[in-house]
Amino acid sequence: MPNLTDENFAGNTSGVAMEFKLMGLEMITKTKEANYKRGLRQRIAIFAHYLGMKQIALESHSIVPQFSRGLPKNLLEISQVVNNLEGKVTNRQLISLLPFVEDPDAELEALEEEKKKNMEDMPMFNKDNTKPEDEVEDEESGVLGEEESQSDLPADGQGRKAGRPVR
């Protein structure tokens, strides 16, 4: 069990250093969690048997106790790991690494729906994409009249005004 009042324990330590300091506590927690799960499964089985006597069907194996730790996670480090693993493992596995995502399958479905919606909303991917009314009129009549476009060009025809250097 770590000494939580130690001067070396406090301060600005990295997530990995903190995990090593808390490793003893984590091992004790895992042992207690395993014992608690076993007792909880027994209680669920007794409760399911009682409900079975009352003609209410309940499978005790369908209830799975799930525990989560209250230790803070370094989200920056996790995001870097996810970015480094992109293309090497499935997207479902990458999403399951994120501690704030409870259901990776639902998150993948939501991500696909969002991508579809964004594709539909983008005008360049819209098959009915047409030019706006004012651009069509400008192209038909020309942005500049024929007289204006010829009179603005100098005699050399390169579009430079006299006295200005070419950059």
N, C-alpha and C. Protein backbone atom coordinates (compact mmCIF):
# COMPACT_ATOMS: atom_id res chain seq x y z
N MET A 1 0.85 -1.17 0.00
CA MET A 1 0.00 0.00 0.00
C MET A 1 0.90 1.24 0.00
N PRO A 2 0.68 2.17 -0.94
CA PRO A 2 1.54 3.35 -1.01
C PRO A 2 1.25 4.34 0.12
N ASN A 3 2.27 5.06 0.49
CA ASN A 3 2.13 6.10 1.50
C ASN A 3 1.66 7.37 0.80
N LEU A 4 0.40 7.70 0.97
CA LEU A 4 -0.18 8.85 0.26
C LEU A 4 0.27 10.18 0.84
N THR A 5 0.86 10.17 2.05
CA THR A 5 1.32 11.42 2.67
C THR A 5 2.79 11.70 2.37
N ASP A 6 3.44 10.86 1.61
CA ASP A 6 4.85 11.03 1.28
C ASP A 6 5.04 12.27 0.40
N GLU A 7 6.15 13.00 0.63
CA GLU A 7 6.43 14.20 -0.16
C GLU A 7 6.65 13.85 -1.63
N ASN A 8 7.26 12.71 -1.91
CA ASN A 8 7.52 12.30 -3.28
C ASN A 8 6.24 11.91 -4.01
N PHE A 9 5.20 11.58 -3.26
CA PHE A 9 3.94 11.18 -3.89
C PHE A 9 3.21 12.38 -4.47
N ALA A 10 3.29 13.50 -3.79
CA ALA A 10 2.62 14.72 -4.26
C ALA A 10 3.49 15.39 -5.32
N GLY A 11 2.95 16.39 -5.93
CA GLY A 11 3.72 17.14 -6.92
C GLY A 11 3.23 16.88 -8.32
N ASN A 12 4.02 17.33 -9.25
CA ASN A 12 3.65 17.23 -10.66
C ASN A 12 4.33 16.01 -11.27
N THR A 13 3.75 14.84 -11.04
CA THR A 13 4.31 13.60 -11.58
C THR A 13 3.53 13.18 -12.81
N SER A 14 4.19 12.46 -13.69
CA SER A 14 3.54 12.02 -14.92
C SER A 14 2.55 10.90 -14.62
N GLY A 15 1.72 10.60 -15.58
CA GLY A 15 0.72 9.54 -15.41
C GLY A 15 1.35 8.18 -15.20
N VAL A 16 2.45 7.91 -15.90
CA VAL A 16 3.12 6.62 -15.77
C VAL A 16 3.73 6.49 -14.38
N ALA A 17 4.37 7.57 -13.89
CA ALA A 17 4.95 7.54 -12.55
C ALA A 17 3.87 7.34 -11.50
N MET A 18 2.73 7.99 -11.69
CA MET A 18 1.62 7.84 -10.75
C MET A 18 1.09 6.41 -10.76
N GLU A 19 1.02 5.80 -11.93
CA GLU A 19 0.56 4.41 -12.02
C GLU A 19 1.50 3.47 -11.27
N PHE A 20 2.80 3.69 -11.40
CA PHE A 20 3.76 2.85 -10.68
C PHE A 20 3.64 3.04 -9.17
N LYS A 21 3.39 4.28 -8.75
CA LYS A 21 3.24 4.53 -7.32
C LYS A 21 1.98 3.88 -6.77
N LEU A 22 0.94 3.79 -7.58
CA LEU A 22 -0.33 3.22 -7.14
C LEU A 22 -0.47 1.74 -7.49
N MET A 23 0.58 1.10 -7.98
CA MET A 23 0.48 -0.30 -8.42
C MET A 23 0.08 -1.22 -7.27
N GLY A 24 0.62 -1.03 -6.08
CA GLY A 24 0.25 -1.87 -4.93
C GLY A 24 -1.22 -1.72 -4.60
N LEU A 25 -1.71 -0.50 -4.60
CA LEU A 25 -3.12 -0.24 -4.34
C LEU A 25 -4.00 -0.86 -5.42
N GLU A 26 -3.55 -0.81 -6.66
CA GLU A 26 -4.30 -1.39 -7.77
C GLU A 26 -4.41 -2.91 -7.63
N MET A 27 -3.34 -3.55 -7.19
CA MET A 27 -3.36 -5.01 -7.01
C MET A 27 -4.33 -5.40 -5.90
N ILE A 28 -4.35 -4.64 -4.81
CA ILE A 28 -5.30 -4.90 -3.73
C ILE A 28 -6.72 -4.70 -4.23
N THR A 29 -6.93 -3.65 -5.02
CA THR A 29 -8.26 -3.36 -5.56
C THR A 29 -8.75 -4.47 -6.47
N LYS A 30 -7.87 -5.02 -7.31
CA LYS A 30 -8.27 -6.11 -8.21
C LYS A 30 -8.66 -7.36 -7.43
N THR A 31 -7.93 -7.66 -6.36
CA THR A 31 -8.27 -8.82 -5.53
C THR A 31 -9.64 -8.63 -4.89
N LYS A 32 -9.88 -7.45 -4.33
CA LYS A 32 -11.17 -7.17 -3.70
C LYS A 32 -12.30 -7.18 -4.73
N GLU A 33 -12.02 -6.67 -5.93
CA GLU A 33 -13.04 -6.67 -6.98
C GLU A 33 -13.42 -8.09 -7.38
N ALA A 34 -12.44 -8.98 -7.50
CA ALA A 34 -12.73 -10.38 -7.86
C ALA A 34 -13.59 -11.04 -6.79
N ASN A 35 -13.28 -10.80 -5.52
CA ASN A 35 -14.08 -11.37 -4.43
C ASN A 35 -15.49 -10.78 -4.43
N TYR A 36 -15.60 -9.50 -4.66
CA TYR A 36 -16.90 -8.84 -4.69
C TYR A 36 -17.74 -9.36 -5.86
N LYS A 37 -17.11 -9.57 -7.03
CA LYS A 37 -17.84 -10.11 -8.19
C LYS A 37 -18.40 -11.49 -7.89
N ARG A 38 -17.57 -12.33 -7.26
CA ARG A 38 -18.02 -13.68 -6.93
C ARG A 38 -19.24 -13.63 -6.01
N GLY A 39 -19.18 -12.81 -4.96
CA GLY A 39 -20.31 -12.67 -4.05
C GLY A 39 -21.53 -12.08 -4.73
N LEU A 40 -21.31 -11.12 -5.61
CA LEU A 40 -22.43 -10.50 -6.32
C LEU A 40 -23.10 -11.49 -7.26
N ARG A 41 -22.31 -12.32 -7.95
CA ARG A 41 -22.89 -13.36 -8.82
C ARG A 41 -23.73 -14.34 -8.02
N GLN A 42 -23.27 -14.70 -6.82
CA GLN A 42 -24.04 -15.61 -5.98
C GLN A 42 -25.37 -14.97 -5.58
N ARG A 43 -25.34 -13.70 -5.23
CA ARG A 43 -26.59 -13.01 -4.87
C ARG A 43 -27.54 -12.93 -6.06
N ILE A 44 -27.00 -12.66 -7.23
CA ILE A 44 -27.85 -12.59 -8.44
C ILE A 44 -28.47 -13.96 -8.71
N ALA A 45 -27.69 -15.03 -8.55
CA ALA A 45 -28.22 -16.38 -8.77
C ALA A 45 -29.33 -16.69 -7.77
N ILE A 46 -29.15 -16.31 -6.52
CA ILE A 46 -30.20 -16.53 -5.50
C ILE A 46 -31.44 -15.73 -5.86
N PHE A 47 -31.25 -14.48 -6.27
CA PHE A 47 -32.38 -13.64 -6.65
C PHE A 47 -33.11 -14.21 -7.88
N ALA A 48 -32.35 -14.71 -8.86
CA ALA A 48 -32.96 -15.31 -10.06
C ALA A 48 -33.73 -16.57 -9.68
N HIS A 49 -33.21 -17.36 -8.74
CA HIS A 49 -33.91 -18.57 -8.29
C HIS A 49 -35.22 -18.18 -7.59
N TYR A 50 -35.18 -17.13 -6.77
CA TYR A 50 -36.38 -16.66 -6.09
C TYR A 50 -37.42 -16.19 -7.11
N LEU A 51 -36.99 -15.43 -8.12
CA LEU A 51 -37.93 -14.98 -9.15
C LEU A 51 -38.47 -16.15 -9.96
N GLY A 52 -37.65 -17.18 -10.16
CA GLY A 52 -38.11 -18.38 -10.87
C GLY A 52 -39.22 -19.08 -10.11
N MET A 53 -39.16 -19.06 -8.78
CA MET A 53 -40.23 -19.66 -7.97
C MET A 53 -41.52 -18.86 -8.11
N LYS A 54 -41.43 -17.57 -8.42
CA LYS A 54 -42.60 -16.70 -8.61
C LYS A 54 -43.04 -16.67 -10.07
N GLN A 55 -42.50 -17.58 -10.89
CA GLN A 55 -42.84 -17.68 -12.31
C GLN A 55 -42.36 -16.48 -13.13
N ILE A 56 -41.29 -15.86 -12.69
CA ILE A 56 -40.69 -14.75 -13.44
C ILE A 56 -39.33 -15.22 -13.93
N ALA A 57 -39.16 -15.21 -15.25
CA ALA A 57 -37.93 -15.74 -15.83
C ALA A 57 -36.82 -14.69 -15.80
N LEU A 58 -35.66 -15.10 -15.28
CA LEU A 58 -34.48 -14.25 -15.26
C LEU A 58 -33.26 -15.14 -15.31
N GLU A 59 -32.43 -14.92 -16.31
CA GLU A 59 -31.19 -15.69 -16.39
C GLU A 59 -30.11 -14.94 -15.63
N SER A 60 -29.55 -15.58 -14.64
CA SER A 60 -28.54 -14.91 -13.81
C SER A 60 -27.27 -14.62 -14.60
N HIS A 61 -27.01 -15.37 -15.66
CA HIS A 61 -25.80 -15.15 -16.46
C HIS A 61 -25.93 -13.94 -17.38
N SER A 62 -27.15 -13.45 -17.56
CA SER A 62 -27.34 -12.29 -18.43
C SER A 62 -26.93 -10.99 -17.73
N ILE A 63 -26.81 -11.03 -16.41
CA ILE A 63 -26.39 -9.85 -15.66
C ILE A 63 -24.89 -9.96 -15.41
N VAL A 64 -24.15 -9.00 -15.93
CA VAL A 64 -22.69 -9.02 -15.80
C VAL A 64 -22.27 -7.80 -14.98
N PRO A 65 -21.74 -8.03 -13.79
CA PRO A 65 -21.25 -6.89 -13.01
C PRO A 65 -20.03 -6.26 -13.67
N GLN A 66 -20.02 -4.95 -13.72
CA GLN A 66 -18.92 -4.24 -14.37
C GLN A 66 -18.43 -3.15 -13.43
N PHE A 67 -17.13 -3.10 -13.22
CA PHE A 67 -16.53 -2.13 -12.31
C PHE A 67 -15.62 -1.20 -13.11
N SER A 68 -15.53 0.03 -12.66
CA SER A 68 -14.63 0.98 -13.33
C SER A 68 -13.84 1.72 -12.26
N ARG A 69 -12.63 2.05 -12.59
CA ARG A 69 -11.73 2.74 -11.67
C ARG A 69 -12.02 4.24 -11.70
N GLY A 70 -11.73 4.87 -10.60
CA GLY A 70 -11.94 6.31 -10.49
C GLY A 70 -10.66 7.10 -10.68
N LEU A 71 -9.59 6.44 -11.16
CA LEU A 71 -8.34 7.15 -11.36
C LEU A 71 -8.42 8.03 -12.61
N PRO A 72 -7.83 9.22 -12.56
CA PRO A 72 -7.86 10.08 -13.75
C PRO A 72 -7.02 9.48 -14.87
N LYS A 73 -7.44 9.73 -16.09
CA LYS A 73 -6.74 9.23 -17.27
C LYS A 73 -6.08 10.40 -17.98
N ASN A 74 -4.93 10.14 -18.56
CA ASN A 74 -4.23 11.13 -19.35
C ASN A 74 -4.76 11.05 -20.78
N LEU A 75 -5.74 11.90 -21.10
CA LEU A 75 -6.40 11.83 -22.40
C LEU A 75 -5.46 12.20 -23.54
N LEU A 76 -4.49 13.06 -23.30
CA LEU A 76 -3.53 13.41 -24.34
C LEU A 76 -2.71 12.19 -24.73
N GLU A 77 -2.24 11.45 -23.74
CA GLU A 77 -1.45 10.25 -24.01
C GLU A 77 -2.29 9.20 -24.73
N ILE A 78 -3.54 9.04 -24.31
CA ILE A 78 -4.42 8.06 -24.95
C ILE A 78 -4.69 8.46 -26.40
N SER A 79 -4.90 9.76 -26.65
CA SER A 79 -5.16 10.20 -28.03
C SER A 79 -3.93 9.99 -28.91
N GLN A 80 -2.74 10.16 -28.36
CA GLN A 80 -1.52 9.91 -29.13
C GLN A 80 -1.39 8.43 -29.47
N VAL A 81 -1.74 7.56 -28.52
CA VAL A 81 -1.69 6.12 -28.78
C VAL A 81 -2.69 5.76 -29.87
N VAL A 82 -3.90 6.33 -29.79
CA VAL A 82 -4.93 6.06 -30.81
C VAL A 82 -4.45 6.52 -32.18
N ASN A 83 -3.85 7.71 -32.26
CA ASN A 83 -3.35 8.20 -33.55
C ASN A 83 -2.22 7.34 -34.09
N ASN A 84 -1.35 6.84 -33.21
CA ASN A 84 -0.25 5.99 -33.65
C ASN A 84 -0.74 4.63 -34.13
N LEU A 85 -1.84 4.14 -33.58
CA LEU A 85 -2.36 2.83 -33.95
C LEU A 85 -3.32 2.88 -35.13
N GLU A 86 -3.67 4.08 -35.59
CA GLU A 86 -4.61 4.21 -36.71
C GLU A 86 -4.05 3.53 -37.95
N GLY A 87 -4.84 2.67 -38.55
CA GLY A 87 -4.42 1.92 -39.73
C GLY A 87 -3.79 0.59 -39.38
N LYS A 88 -3.47 0.37 -38.11
CA LYS A 88 -2.86 -0.89 -37.69
C LYS A 88 -3.86 -1.80 -36.99
N VAL A 89 -4.89 -1.20 -36.38
CA VAL A 89 -5.97 -1.97 -35.75
C VAL A 89 -7.29 -1.39 -36.23
N THR A 90 -8.38 -2.08 -35.96
CA THR A 90 -9.69 -1.65 -36.43
C THR A 90 -10.13 -0.38 -35.70
N ASN A 91 -11.04 0.35 -36.33
CA ASN A 91 -11.58 1.56 -35.71
C ASN A 91 -12.34 1.24 -34.44
N ARG A 92 -13.00 0.08 -34.41
CA ARG A 92 -13.72 -0.32 -33.21
C ARG A 92 -12.76 -0.47 -32.04
N GLN A 93 -11.61 -1.08 -32.28
CA GLN A 93 -10.61 -1.26 -31.23
C GLN A 93 -10.06 0.09 -30.78
N LEU A 94 -9.84 1.00 -31.71
CA LEU A 94 -9.34 2.33 -31.36
C LEU A 94 -10.34 3.08 -30.49
N ILE A 95 -11.61 3.00 -30.86
CA ILE A 95 -12.63 3.70 -30.08
C ILE A 95 -12.79 3.07 -28.71
N SER A 96 -12.60 1.76 -28.61
CA SER A 96 -12.73 1.11 -27.30
C SER A 96 -11.61 1.52 -26.35
N LEU A 97 -10.51 2.06 -26.86
CA LEU A 97 -9.42 2.54 -26.00
C LEU A 97 -9.77 3.84 -25.30
N LEU A 98 -10.73 4.58 -25.83
CA LEU A 98 -11.10 5.86 -25.24
C LEU A 98 -11.95 5.63 -23.99
N PRO A 99 -11.53 6.17 -22.84
CA PRO A 99 -12.24 5.87 -21.59
C PRO A 99 -13.62 6.51 -21.50
N PHE A 100 -13.89 7.56 -22.26
CA PHE A 100 -15.18 8.23 -22.17
C PHE A 100 -16.22 7.65 -23.12
N VAL A 101 -15.85 6.65 -23.94
CA VAL A 101 -16.79 6.00 -24.84
C VAL A 101 -17.22 4.68 -24.20
N GLU A 102 -18.51 4.56 -23.90
CA GLU A 102 -19.01 3.37 -23.22
C GLU A 102 -19.33 2.24 -24.20
N ASP A 103 -19.88 2.59 -25.38
CA ASP A 103 -20.28 1.57 -26.35
C ASP A 103 -19.61 1.87 -27.69
N PRO A 104 -18.50 1.18 -28.00
CA PRO A 104 -17.79 1.46 -29.25
C PRO A 104 -18.62 1.20 -30.50
N ASP A 105 -19.48 0.17 -30.49
CA ASP A 105 -20.30 -0.13 -31.66
C ASP A 105 -21.28 1.00 -31.95
N ALA A 106 -21.93 1.50 -30.91
CA ALA A 106 -22.86 2.61 -31.09
C ALA A 106 -22.12 3.86 -31.56
N GLU A 107 -20.92 4.06 -31.06
CA GLU A 107 -20.12 5.22 -31.46
C GLU A 107 -19.72 5.12 -32.93
N LEU A 108 -19.37 3.91 -33.39
CA LEU A 108 -19.03 3.72 -34.81
C LEU A 108 -20.23 4.00 -35.70
N GLU A 109 -21.42 3.54 -35.28
CA GLU A 109 -22.64 3.80 -36.06
C GLU A 109 -22.92 5.29 -36.12
N ALA A 110 -22.78 5.97 -34.98
CA ALA A 110 -23.02 7.41 -34.94
C ALA A 110 -22.02 8.15 -35.82
N LEU A 111 -20.79 7.69 -35.84
CA LEU A 111 -19.75 8.30 -36.67
C LEU A 111 -20.07 8.13 -38.15
N GLU A 112 -20.53 6.94 -38.55
CA GLU A 112 -20.91 6.71 -39.95
C GLU A 112 -22.09 7.58 -40.35
N GLU A 113 -23.09 7.70 -39.46
CA GLU A 113 -24.25 8.54 -39.74
C GLU A 113 -23.81 10.01 -39.91
N GLU A 114 -22.91 10.44 -39.05
CA GLU A 114 -22.43 11.82 -39.13
C GLU A 114 -21.67 12.06 -40.44
N LYS A 115 -20.87 11.09 -40.86
CA LYS A 115 -20.15 11.22 -42.13
C LYS A 115 -21.13 11.31 -43.30
N LYS A 116 -22.17 10.46 -43.29
CA LYS A 116 -23.17 10.50 -44.36
C LYS A 116 -23.88 11.85 -44.40
N LYS A 117 -24.24 12.35 -43.23
CA LYS A 117 -24.94 13.63 -43.15
C LYS A 117 -24.05 14.76 -43.66
N ASN A 118 -22.78 14.73 -43.28
CA ASN A 118 -21.85 15.77 -43.74
C ASN A 118 -21.65 15.70 -45.25
N MET A 119 -21.62 14.50 -45.82
CA MET A 119 -21.46 14.35 -47.27
C MET A 119 -22.69 14.91 -47.99
N GLU A 120 -23.87 14.70 -47.42
CA GLU A 120 -25.09 15.21 -48.05
C GLU A 120 -25.16 16.73 -47.95
N ASP A 121 -24.63 17.28 -46.86
CA ASP A 121 -24.69 18.73 -46.65
C ASP A 121 -23.66 19.49 -47.47
N MET A 122 -22.61 18.83 -47.91
CA MET A 122 -21.57 19.51 -48.67
C MET A 122 -22.03 19.72 -50.11
N PRO A 123 -22.05 20.97 -50.60
CA PRO A 123 -22.58 21.23 -51.94
C PRO A 123 -21.74 20.64 -53.06
N MET A 124 -20.45 20.45 -52.87
CA MET A 124 -19.66 19.93 -53.99
C MET A 124 -19.90 18.44 -54.22
N PHE A 125 -20.47 17.75 -53.25
CA PHE A 125 -20.80 16.35 -53.44
C PHE A 125 -22.27 16.17 -53.82
N ASN A 126 -23.00 17.26 -53.88
CA ASN A 126 -24.41 17.21 -54.23
C ASN A 126 -24.52 17.05 -55.75
N LYS A 127 -25.26 16.06 -56.19
CA LYS A 127 -25.38 15.79 -57.62
C LYS A 127 -26.20 16.86 -58.34
N ASP A 128 -27.03 17.57 -57.61
CA ASP A 128 -27.86 18.61 -58.20
C ASP A 128 -27.16 19.97 -58.15
N ASN A 129 -25.87 19.97 -58.05
CA ASN A 129 -25.12 21.20 -57.91
C ASN A 129 -25.19 22.00 -59.22
N THR A 130 -25.70 23.21 -59.13
CA THR A 130 -25.77 24.11 -60.28
C THR A 130 -25.19 25.45 -59.86
N LYS A 131 -24.84 26.26 -60.85
CA LYS A 131 -24.30 27.58 -60.55
C LYS A 131 -25.43 28.48 -60.08
N PRO A 132 -25.10 29.41 -59.22
CA PRO A 132 -26.12 30.37 -58.80
C PRO A 132 -26.61 31.19 -59.99
N GLU A 133 -27.80 31.73 -59.85
CA GLU A 133 -28.45 32.46 -60.94
C GLU A 133 -27.60 33.63 -61.44
N ASP A 134 -27.00 34.40 -60.53
CA ASP A 134 -26.26 35.58 -60.96
C ASP A 134 -24.99 35.22 -61.72
N GLU A 135 -24.34 34.09 -61.41
CA GLU A 135 -23.15 33.68 -62.15
C GLU A 135 -23.51 33.24 -63.57
N VAL A 136 -24.65 32.58 -63.72
CA VAL A 136 -25.08 32.14 -65.05
C VAL A 136 -25.34 33.35 -65.92
N GLU A 137 -25.99 34.37 -65.38
CA GLU A 137 -26.26 35.58 -66.15
C GLU A 137 -24.97 36.29 -66.53
N ASP A 138 -24.00 36.36 -65.59
CA ASP A 138 -22.73 37.03 -65.88
C ASP A 138 -21.98 36.33 -66.99
N GLU A 139 -21.99 35.00 -67.01
CA GLU A 139 -21.29 34.26 -68.06
C GLU A 139 -21.94 34.47 -69.42
N GLU A 140 -23.28 34.54 -69.42
CA GLU A 140 -23.97 34.71 -70.69
C GLU A 140 -23.72 36.10 -71.27
N SER A 141 -23.77 37.12 -70.45
CA SER A 141 -23.60 38.48 -70.97
C SER A 141 -22.15 38.92 -70.92
N GLY A 142 -21.31 38.18 -70.23
CA GLY A 142 -19.91 38.57 -70.08
C GLY A 142 -19.78 39.50 -68.89
N VAL A 143 -18.74 39.34 -68.11
CA VAL A 143 -18.57 40.17 -66.94
C VAL A 143 -18.31 41.61 -67.36
N LEU A 144 -17.48 41.78 -68.36
CA LEU A 144 -17.23 43.11 -68.92
C LEU A 144 -17.81 43.14 -70.33
N GLY A 145 -18.27 44.27 -70.70
CA GLY A 145 -18.74 44.39 -72.08
C GLY A 145 -17.57 44.25 -73.03
N GLU A 146 -17.83 43.93 -74.29
CA GLU A 146 -16.76 43.73 -75.27
C GLU A 146 -15.96 45.01 -75.47
N GLU A 147 -16.63 46.19 -75.46
CA GLU A 147 -15.91 47.44 -75.67
C GLU A 147 -14.99 47.72 -74.50
N GLU A 148 -15.46 47.44 -73.25
CA GLU A 148 -14.66 47.73 -72.06
C GLU A 148 -13.42 46.84 -72.01
N SER A 149 -13.58 45.57 -72.34
CA SER A 149 -12.46 44.65 -72.21
C SER A 149 -11.36 44.97 -73.22
N GLN A 150 -11.69 45.46 -74.43
CA GLN A 150 -10.68 45.78 -75.43
C GLN A 150 -10.00 47.11 -75.13
N SER A 151 -10.73 48.08 -74.56
CA SER A 151 -10.15 49.41 -74.35
C SER A 151 -9.22 49.44 -73.15
N ASP A 152 -9.35 48.52 -72.19
CA ASP A 152 -8.49 48.51 -71.01
C ASP A 152 -7.12 47.91 -71.29
N LEU A 153 -6.97 47.14 -72.35
CA LEU A 153 -5.69 46.50 -72.64
C LEU A 153 -4.76 47.49 -73.31
N PRO A 154 -3.48 47.54 -72.92
CA PRO A 154 -2.53 48.40 -73.62
C PRO A 154 -2.20 47.82 -74.98
N ALA A 155 -1.43 48.55 -75.71
CA ALA A 155 -1.12 48.16 -77.08
C ALA A 155 -0.34 46.85 -77.14
N ASP A 156 0.45 46.53 -76.10
CA ASP A 156 1.24 45.30 -76.17
C ASP A 156 0.38 44.07 -75.91
N GLY A 157 -0.84 44.23 -75.37
CA GLY A 157 -1.77 43.12 -75.18
C GLY A 157 -1.46 42.23 -74.00
N GLN A 158 -0.55 42.66 -73.09
CA GLN A 158 -0.21 41.82 -71.96
C GLN A 158 -0.93 42.22 -70.69
N GLY A 159 -1.78 43.18 -70.73
CA GLY A 159 -2.58 43.55 -69.57
C GLY A 159 -1.85 44.44 -68.58
N ARG A 160 -0.72 45.08 -68.97
CA ARG A 160 0.01 45.95 -68.06
C ARG A 160 -0.33 47.39 -68.37
N LYS A 161 -0.41 48.18 -67.32
CA LYS A 161 -0.62 49.61 -67.52
C LYS A 161 0.74 50.26 -67.70
N ALA A 162 0.76 51.30 -68.42
CA ALA A 162 2.03 51.97 -68.71
C ALA A 162 2.62 52.53 -67.42
N GLY A 163 3.93 52.41 -67.28
CA GLY A 163 4.63 52.97 -66.14
C GLY A 163 4.74 52.03 -64.95
N ARG A 164 4.07 50.91 -64.92
CA ARG A 164 4.15 49.98 -63.80
C ARG A 164 5.06 48.81 -64.15
N PRO A 165 5.99 48.48 -63.25
CA PRO A 165 6.87 47.34 -63.53
C PRO A 165 6.14 46.02 -63.32
N VAL A 166 6.62 45.00 -63.99
CA VAL A 166 6.06 43.65 -63.85
C VAL A 166 6.66 43.02 -62.61
N ARG A 167 5.85 42.43 -61.77
CA ARG A 167 6.35 41.79 -60.55
C ARG A 167 6.43 40.32 -60.70
